[in-house]
Amino acid sequence: MKDEIINSDMSTRAKVIDLAEHYKKWGRDEPESTWMNLLVEEVGELGAALNGRHKHSPDYELVQIAAICINWLDKRQAAIAKLEE
């Protein structure tokens, strides 16, 4: 699923949004520590990709990082809004 989205001919913005939807379905109820772990993992993979030591391109990793950040921020904003009700 991720490969299909990231390797498609869509714009970068569309790729990030589609992948964010994928992550939303998977991890909406995951704790923040899970989102942090995912982010750190992808940032590490980005570093490897930038040095030519990863199977994916830096752009591939950046799309994943952006999608994770969007979902994590949405999760935090939803939690704040729920507290303010």
N, C-alpha and C. Protein backbone atom coordinates (compact mmCIF):
# COMPACT_ATOMS: atom_id res chain seq x y z
N MET A 1 0.82 -1.20 0.00
CA MET A 1 0.00 0.00 0.00
C MET A 1 0.87 1.26 0.00
N LYS A 2 1.83 1.35 0.92
CA LYS A 2 2.69 2.53 0.97
C LYS A 2 3.45 2.71 -0.33
N ASP A 3 4.00 1.61 -0.85
CA ASP A 3 4.77 1.72 -2.09
C ASP A 3 3.91 2.22 -3.24
N GLU A 4 2.67 1.74 -3.32
CA GLU A 4 1.77 2.17 -4.39
C GLU A 4 1.52 3.67 -4.32
N ILE A 5 1.33 4.18 -3.12
CA ILE A 5 1.07 5.61 -2.95
C ILE A 5 2.32 6.41 -3.29
N ILE A 6 3.43 6.06 -2.68
CA ILE A 6 4.64 6.86 -2.82
C ILE A 6 5.21 6.78 -4.23
N ASN A 7 5.08 5.66 -4.90
CA ASN A 7 5.64 5.51 -6.24
C ASN A 7 4.66 5.92 -7.34
N SER A 8 3.52 6.46 -6.99
CA SER A 8 2.53 6.87 -7.98
C SER A 8 2.95 8.17 -8.66
N ASP A 9 2.17 8.59 -9.64
CA ASP A 9 2.43 9.83 -10.36
C ASP A 9 1.75 11.04 -9.70
N MET A 10 1.19 10.86 -8.52
CA MET A 10 0.51 11.96 -7.82
C MET A 10 1.52 13.03 -7.42
N SER A 11 1.01 14.21 -7.13
CA SER A 11 1.87 15.27 -6.61
C SER A 11 2.36 14.87 -5.22
N THR A 12 3.41 15.51 -4.77
CA THR A 12 3.95 15.21 -3.45
C THR A 12 2.89 15.43 -2.38
N ARG A 13 2.16 16.53 -2.49
CA ARG A 13 1.11 16.84 -1.51
C ARG A 13 0.06 15.73 -1.48
N ALA A 14 -0.36 15.26 -2.64
CA ALA A 14 -1.36 14.19 -2.71
C ALA A 14 -0.82 12.90 -2.10
N LYS A 15 0.46 12.61 -2.35
CA LYS A 15 1.07 11.41 -1.77
C LYS A 15 1.05 11.48 -0.25
N VAL A 16 1.42 12.63 0.29
CA VAL A 16 1.46 12.79 1.75
C VAL A 16 0.05 12.63 2.32
N ILE A 17 -0.93 13.24 1.70
CA ILE A 17 -2.31 13.16 2.19
C ILE A 17 -2.81 11.72 2.12
N ASP A 18 -2.58 11.03 1.01
CA ASP A 18 -3.02 9.64 0.90
C ASP A 18 -2.34 8.74 1.93
N LEU A 19 -1.04 8.93 2.10
CA LEU A 19 -0.34 8.11 3.08
C LEU A 19 -0.77 8.46 4.50
N ALA A 20 -1.06 9.73 4.74
CA ALA A 20 -1.57 10.14 6.05
C ALA A 20 -2.89 9.42 6.35
N GLU A 21 -3.74 9.28 5.34
CA GLU A 21 -5.00 8.55 5.53
C GLU A 21 -4.73 7.09 5.86
N HIS A 22 -3.73 6.50 5.24
CA HIS A 22 -3.34 5.12 5.55
C HIS A 22 -2.92 5.00 7.01
N TYR A 23 -2.06 5.92 7.47
CA TYR A 23 -1.60 5.89 8.86
C TYR A 23 -2.75 6.17 9.83
N LYS A 24 -3.67 7.05 9.44
CA LYS A 24 -4.80 7.38 10.32
C LYS A 24 -5.62 6.14 10.62
N LYS A 25 -5.88 5.34 9.61
CA LYS A 25 -6.67 4.12 9.79
C LYS A 25 -5.93 3.14 10.69
N TRP A 26 -4.63 3.12 10.57
CA TRP A 26 -3.84 2.16 11.34
C TRP A 26 -3.63 2.59 12.79
N GLY A 27 -3.30 3.85 13.01
CA GLY A 27 -2.77 4.18 14.31
C GLY A 27 -3.45 5.27 15.10
N ARG A 28 -4.70 5.52 14.82
CA ARG A 28 -5.38 6.62 15.50
C ARG A 28 -5.37 6.47 17.02
N ASP A 29 -5.45 5.24 17.49
CA ASP A 29 -5.52 5.02 18.94
C ASP A 29 -4.17 4.67 19.56
N GLU A 30 -3.12 4.76 18.77
CA GLU A 30 -1.79 4.44 19.30
C GLU A 30 -1.29 5.57 20.20
N PRO A 31 -0.53 5.23 21.24
CA PRO A 31 0.01 6.27 22.12
C PRO A 31 1.07 7.11 21.41
N GLU A 32 1.34 8.27 21.98
CA GLU A 32 2.33 9.16 21.37
C GLU A 32 3.70 8.51 21.24
N SER A 33 4.03 7.63 22.15
CA SER A 33 5.34 6.98 22.07
C SER A 33 5.46 6.16 20.78
N THR A 34 4.37 5.59 20.32
CA THR A 34 4.39 4.84 19.05
C THR A 34 4.65 5.78 17.88
N TRP A 35 3.99 6.94 17.89
CA TRP A 35 4.21 7.91 16.82
C TRP A 35 5.65 8.42 16.84
N MET A 36 6.19 8.62 18.03
CA MET A 36 7.59 9.07 18.15
C MET A 36 8.53 8.00 17.61
N ASN A 37 8.27 6.75 17.95
CA ASN A 37 9.11 5.66 17.46
C ASN A 37 9.07 5.57 15.94
N LEU A 38 7.87 5.71 15.36
CA LEU A 38 7.75 5.68 13.90
C LEU A 38 8.54 6.81 13.27
N LEU A 39 8.40 7.99 13.84
CA LEU A 39 9.08 9.16 13.29
C LEU A 39 10.60 8.98 13.35
N VAL A 40 11.11 8.54 14.48
CA VAL A 40 12.55 8.34 14.63
C VAL A 40 13.06 7.28 13.65
N GLU A 41 12.30 6.22 13.50
CA GLU A 41 12.68 5.17 12.55
C GLU A 41 12.79 5.73 11.13
N GLU A 42 11.78 6.50 10.73
CA GLU A 42 11.79 7.05 9.36
C GLU A 42 12.88 8.10 9.18
N VAL A 43 13.16 8.88 10.21
CA VAL A 43 14.25 9.86 10.11
C VAL A 43 15.59 9.11 9.96
N GLY A 44 15.75 8.03 10.68
CA GLY A 44 16.96 7.21 10.52
C GLY A 44 17.07 6.65 9.12
N GLU A 45 15.96 6.19 8.57
CA GLU A 45 15.96 5.67 7.20
C GLU A 45 16.25 6.79 6.20
N LEU A 46 15.77 8.00 6.48
CA LEU A 46 16.09 9.14 5.62
C LEU A 46 17.60 9.38 5.61
N GLY A 47 18.22 9.34 6.79
CA GLY A 47 19.67 9.52 6.86
C GLY A 47 20.40 8.48 6.04
N ALA A 48 19.97 7.25 6.14
CA ALA A 48 20.60 6.18 5.36
C ALA A 48 20.37 6.40 3.86
N ALA A 49 19.17 6.82 3.50
CA ALA A 49 18.86 7.07 2.08
C ALA A 49 19.70 8.21 1.53
N LEU A 50 19.90 9.24 2.33
CA LEU A 50 20.73 10.37 1.89
C LEU A 50 22.17 9.95 1.64
N ASN A 51 22.60 8.90 2.33
CA ASN A 51 23.96 8.39 2.16
C ASN A 51 24.03 7.20 1.20
N GLY A 52 22.90 6.94 0.50
CA GLY A 52 22.87 5.84 -0.46
C GLY A 52 22.89 4.46 0.14
N ARG A 53 22.49 4.35 1.41
CA ARG A 53 22.54 3.06 2.11
C ARG A 53 21.16 2.56 2.51
N HIS A 54 20.14 2.91 1.74
CA HIS A 54 18.78 2.44 2.04
C HIS A 54 18.09 2.12 0.73
N LYS A 55 17.18 1.16 0.79
CA LYS A 55 16.52 0.72 -0.44
C LYS A 55 15.57 1.77 -1.02
N HIS A 56 15.11 2.70 -0.19
CA HIS A 56 14.21 3.74 -0.67
C HIS A 56 14.96 5.06 -0.86
N SER A 57 14.37 5.93 -1.66
CA SER A 57 14.95 7.24 -1.91
C SER A 57 14.68 8.19 -0.74
N PRO A 58 15.44 9.27 -0.64
CA PRO A 58 15.15 10.28 0.38
C PRO A 58 13.72 10.82 0.25
N ASP A 59 13.25 11.02 -0.99
CA ASP A 59 11.89 11.53 -1.18
C ASP A 59 10.85 10.56 -0.61
N TYR A 60 11.07 9.28 -0.81
CA TYR A 60 10.17 8.26 -0.26
C TYR A 60 10.10 8.40 1.25
N GLU A 61 11.24 8.53 1.88
CA GLU A 61 11.28 8.65 3.34
C GLU A 61 10.66 9.96 3.82
N LEU A 62 10.90 11.04 3.08
CA LEU A 62 10.31 12.34 3.46
C LEU A 62 8.80 12.32 3.40
N VAL A 63 8.23 11.64 2.41
CA VAL A 63 6.77 11.51 2.32
C VAL A 63 6.25 10.77 3.55
N GLN A 64 6.93 9.71 3.95
CA GLN A 64 6.51 8.97 5.14
C GLN A 64 6.60 9.84 6.39
N ILE A 65 7.68 10.59 6.52
CA ILE A 65 7.86 11.46 7.68
C ILE A 65 6.74 12.49 7.74
N ALA A 66 6.43 13.11 6.61
CA ALA A 66 5.37 14.12 6.58
C ALA A 66 4.02 13.52 6.97
N ALA A 67 3.72 12.34 6.47
CA ALA A 67 2.44 11.69 6.79
C ALA A 67 2.35 11.35 8.27
N ILE A 68 3.44 10.87 8.84
CA ILE A 68 3.46 10.56 10.27
C ILE A 68 3.25 11.83 11.09
N CYS A 69 3.94 12.90 10.73
CA CYS A 69 3.81 14.17 11.46
C CYS A 69 2.39 14.72 11.39
N ILE A 70 1.76 14.64 10.23
CA ILE A 70 0.38 15.12 10.09
C ILE A 70 -0.54 14.35 11.03
N ASN A 71 -0.41 13.03 11.04
CA ASN A 71 -1.28 12.23 11.89
C ASN A 71 -1.02 12.45 13.37
N TRP A 72 0.22 12.57 13.73
CA TRP A 72 0.55 12.79 15.13
C TRP A 72 -0.02 14.14 15.59
N LEU A 73 0.15 15.15 14.77
CA LEU A 73 -0.39 16.46 15.11
C LEU A 73 -1.91 16.44 15.17
N ASP A 74 -2.56 15.78 14.22
CA ASP A 74 -4.03 15.64 14.25
C ASP A 74 -4.48 14.95 15.53
N LYS A 75 -3.77 13.91 15.92
CA LYS A 75 -4.11 13.17 17.15
C LYS A 75 -4.00 14.09 18.36
N ARG A 76 -2.93 14.88 18.42
CA ARG A 76 -2.75 15.80 19.55
C ARG A 76 -3.83 16.88 19.57
N GLN A 77 -4.15 17.42 18.41
CA GLN A 77 -5.18 18.46 18.33
C GLN A 77 -6.54 17.93 18.73
N ALA A 78 -6.85 16.71 18.33
CA ALA A 78 -8.12 16.08 18.70
C ALA A 78 -8.19 15.89 20.21
N ALA A 79 -7.09 15.48 20.82
CA ALA A 79 -7.07 15.27 22.27
C ALA A 79 -7.26 16.61 23.00
N ILE A 80 -6.65 17.67 22.51
CA ILE A 80 -6.81 18.99 23.13
C ILE A 80 -8.25 19.45 23.00
N ALA A 81 -8.83 19.28 21.83
CA ALA A 81 -10.22 19.70 21.61
C ALA A 81 -11.16 18.92 22.52
N LYS A 82 -10.89 17.66 22.73
CA LYS A 82 -11.74 16.83 23.60
C LYS A 82 -11.65 17.33 25.04
N LEU A 83 -10.48 17.73 25.48
CA LEU A 83 -10.31 18.25 26.84
C LEU A 83 -11.04 19.58 27.04
N GLU A 84 -11.13 20.35 25.97
CA GLU A 84 -11.74 21.68 26.06
C GLU A 84 -13.26 21.64 25.98
N GLU A 85 -13.83 20.47 25.68
CA GLU A 85 -15.30 20.35 25.59
C GLU A 85 -15.96 20.51 26.94
